[in-house]
Amino acid sequence: MKSLDEIRAEIDSIDKELIALFMRRMDCSRAVAEYKKANNIPILNTDREDEILNSVEQKGGEYGEYARELYKKIMELSRDLQGEVISNKQ
């Protein structure tokens, strides 16, 4: 069995990767916002979000419900960023 310190070190390593991936995802969200702004497309696309949430929940296995909740928050943050970009706040 791993020690608590070893487990926490592993979590810290995973968190470092997650932050880098989150930043990449938000960069993509910014690019999506710029495209939507240029093409007069609304920020919210419920069909797309539902598709992603269902996929994430399925892929999450025993943690599917938690994965779905995580992605709900990620998509909420993405919409917030897109709103800022579209309204020229950033």
C-alpha atoms as a PDB file:
ATOM      1  CA  MET A   1       0.000   0.000   0.000  1.00  0.00           C
ATOM      2  CA  LYS A   2       1.232   3.492  -0.870  1.00  0.00           C
ATOM      3  CA  SER A   3       1.822   5.992   1.879  1.00  0.00           C
ATOM      4  CA  LEU A   4      -0.367   9.068   2.159  1.00  0.00           C
ATOM      5  CA  ASP A   5       2.563  11.219   1.051  1.00  0.00           C
ATOM      6  CA  GLU A   6       3.046   9.088  -2.066  1.00  0.00           C
ATOM      7  CA  ILE A   7      -0.640   9.311  -2.936  1.00  0.00           C
ATOM      8  CA  ARG A   8      -0.626  13.080  -2.420  1.00  0.00           C
ATOM      9  CA  ALA A   9       2.470  13.415  -4.606  1.00  0.00           C
ATOM     10  CA  GLU A  10       0.650  11.516  -7.331  1.00  0.00           C
ATOM     11  CA  ILE A  11      -2.371  13.802  -6.962  1.00  0.00           C
ATOM     12  CA  ASP A  12      -0.092  16.854  -7.207  1.00  0.00           C
ATOM     13  CA  SER A  13       1.394  15.476 -10.414  1.00  0.00           C
ATOM     14  CA  ILE A  14      -2.050  14.807 -11.887  1.00  0.00           C
ATOM     15  CA  ASP A  15      -3.210  18.296 -10.883  1.00  0.00           C
ATOM     16  CA  LYS A  16      -0.266  19.819 -12.720  1.00  0.00           C
ATOM     17  CA  GLU A  17      -1.331  17.983 -15.873  1.00  0.00           C
ATOM     18  CA  LEU A  18      -4.975  18.929 -15.372  1.00  0.00           C
ATOM     19  CA  ILE A  19      -4.152  22.631 -15.084  1.00  0.00           C
ATOM     20  CA  ALA A  20      -2.138  22.531 -18.305  1.00  0.00           C
ATOM     21  CA  LEU A  21      -4.983  20.746 -20.096  1.00  0.00           C
ATOM     22  CA  PHE A  22      -7.554  23.160 -18.649  1.00  0.00           C
ATOM     23  CA  MET A  23      -5.556  26.101 -19.964  1.00  0.00           C
ATOM     24  CA  ARG A  24      -5.387  24.511 -23.423  1.00  0.00           C
ATOM     25  CA  ARG A  25      -9.127  23.916 -23.333  1.00  0.00           C
ATOM     26  CA  MET A  26      -9.817  27.518 -22.363  1.00  0.00           C
ATOM     27  CA  ASP A  27      -7.552  28.689 -25.216  1.00  0.00           C
ATOM     28  CA  CYS A  28      -9.753  26.644 -27.539  1.00  0.00           C
ATOM     29  CA  SER A  29     -12.853  28.175 -25.954  1.00  0.00           C
ATOM     30  CA  ARG A  30     -11.443  31.621 -26.684  1.00  0.00           C
ATOM     31  CA  ALA A  31     -10.908  30.603 -30.328  1.00  0.00           C
ATOM     32  CA  VAL A  32     -14.473  29.265 -30.491  1.00  0.00           C
ATOM     33  CA  ALA A  33     -15.745  32.588 -29.122  1.00  0.00           C
ATOM     34  CA  GLU A  34     -13.836  34.529 -31.752  1.00  0.00           C
ATOM     35  CA  TYR A  35     -15.307  32.302 -34.467  1.00  0.00           C
ATOM     36  CA  LYS A  36     -18.819  32.641 -33.027  1.00  0.00           C
ATOM     37  CA  LYS A  37     -18.443  36.413 -32.799  1.00  0.00           C
ATOM     38  CA  ALA A  38     -17.243  36.686 -36.404  1.00  0.00           C
ATOM     39  CA  ASN A  39     -20.097  34.469 -37.618  1.00  0.00           C
ATOM     40  CA  ASN A  40     -22.847  35.780 -35.324  1.00  0.00           C
ATOM     41  CA  ILE A  41     -23.386  32.376 -33.668  1.00  0.00           C
ATOM     42  CA  PRO A  42     -24.871  32.190 -30.144  1.00  0.00           C
ATOM     43  CA  ILE A  43     -22.643  31.033 -27.303  1.00  0.00           C
ATOM     44  CA  LEU A  44     -24.913  28.304 -25.965  1.00  0.00           C
ATOM     45  CA  ASN A  45     -25.391  25.141 -28.008  1.00  0.00           C
ATOM     46  CA  THR A  46     -27.385  22.815 -25.762  1.00  0.00           C
ATOM     47  CA  ASP A  47     -27.296  19.922 -28.231  1.00  0.00           C
ATOM     48  CA  ARG A  48     -23.483  20.008 -28.273  1.00  0.00           C
ATOM     49  CA  GLU A  49     -23.276  20.278 -24.478  1.00  0.00           C
ATOM     50  CA  ASP A  50     -25.704  17.407 -23.953  1.00  0.00           C
ATOM     51  CA  GLU A  51     -23.703  15.273 -26.382  1.00  0.00           C
ATOM     52  CA  ILE A  52     -20.484  15.977 -24.470  1.00  0.00           C
ATOM     53  CA  LEU A  53     -22.059  15.404 -21.049  1.00  0.00           C
ATOM     54  CA  ASN A  54     -23.578  12.090 -22.077  1.00  0.00           C
ATOM     55  CA  SER A  55     -20.288  10.946 -23.586  1.00  0.00           C
ATOM     56  CA  VAL A  56     -18.273  11.972 -20.540  1.00  0.00           C
ATOM     57  CA  GLU A  57     -20.670  10.230 -18.182  1.00  0.00           C
ATOM     58  CA  GLN A  58     -20.453   7.030 -20.200  1.00  0.00           C
ATOM     59  CA  LYS A  59     -16.653   7.166 -20.448  1.00  0.00           C
ATOM     60  CA  GLY A  60     -16.349   7.938 -16.734  1.00  0.00           C
ATOM     61  CA  GLY A  61     -17.383   4.426 -15.729  1.00  0.00           C
ATOM     62  CA  GLU A  62     -18.000   4.204 -12.001  1.00  0.00           C
ATOM     63  CA  TYR A  63     -17.186   7.930 -11.761  1.00  0.00           C
ATOM     64  CA  GLY A  64     -19.462   8.915 -14.646  1.00  0.00           C
ATOM     65  CA  GLU A  65     -21.817  11.000 -12.529  1.00  0.00           C
ATOM     66  CA  TYR A  66     -18.857  12.924 -11.092  1.00  0.00           C
ATOM     67  CA  ALA A  67     -17.311  13.378 -14.532  1.00  0.00           C
ATOM     68  CA  ARG A  68     -20.597  14.805 -15.780  1.00  0.00           C
ATOM     69  CA  GLU A  69     -20.674  17.339 -12.939  1.00  0.00           C
ATOM     70  CA  LEU A  70     -17.050  18.299 -13.569  1.00  0.00           C
ATOM     71  CA  TYR A  71     -17.747  18.926 -17.238  1.00  0.00           C
ATOM     72  CA  LYS A  72     -20.870  20.939 -16.453  1.00  0.00           C
ATOM     73  CA  LYS A  73     -18.643  23.329 -14.522  1.00  0.00           C
ATOM     74  CA  ILE A  74     -15.942  23.357 -17.192  1.00  0.00           C
ATOM     75  CA  MET A  75     -18.526  24.205 -19.845  1.00  0.00           C
ATOM     76  CA  GLU A  76     -20.020  26.910 -17.633  1.00  0.00           C
ATOM     77  CA  LEU A  77     -16.563  28.495 -17.314  1.00  0.00           C
ATOM     78  CA  SER A  78     -16.049  28.161 -21.053  1.00  0.00           C
ATOM     79  CA  ARG A  79     -19.351  29.964 -21.737  1.00  0.00           C
ATOM     80  CA  ASP A  80     -18.349  32.697 -19.290  1.00  0.00           C
ATOM     81  CA  LEU A  81     -15.052  33.203 -21.123  1.00  0.00           C
ATOM     82  CA  GLN A  82     -16.819  33.199 -24.492  1.00  0.00           C
ATOM     83  CA  GLY A  83     -19.236  35.828 -23.223  1.00  0.00           C
ATOM     84  CA  GLU A  84     -16.334  38.012 -22.145  1.00  0.00           C
ATOM     85  CA  VAL A  85     -14.581  37.599 -25.483  1.00  0.00           C
ATOM     86  CA  ILE A  86     -17.731  38.315 -27.472  1.00  0.00           C
ATOM     87  CA  SER A  87     -18.513  41.409 -25.409  1.00  0.00           C
ATOM     88  CA  ASN A  88     -14.879  42.560 -25.843  1.00  0.00           C
ATOM     89  CA  LYS A  89     -14.057  42.421 -22.138  1.00  0.00           C
ATOM     90  CA  GLN A  90     -10.878  40.491 -22.987  1.00  0.00           C
END
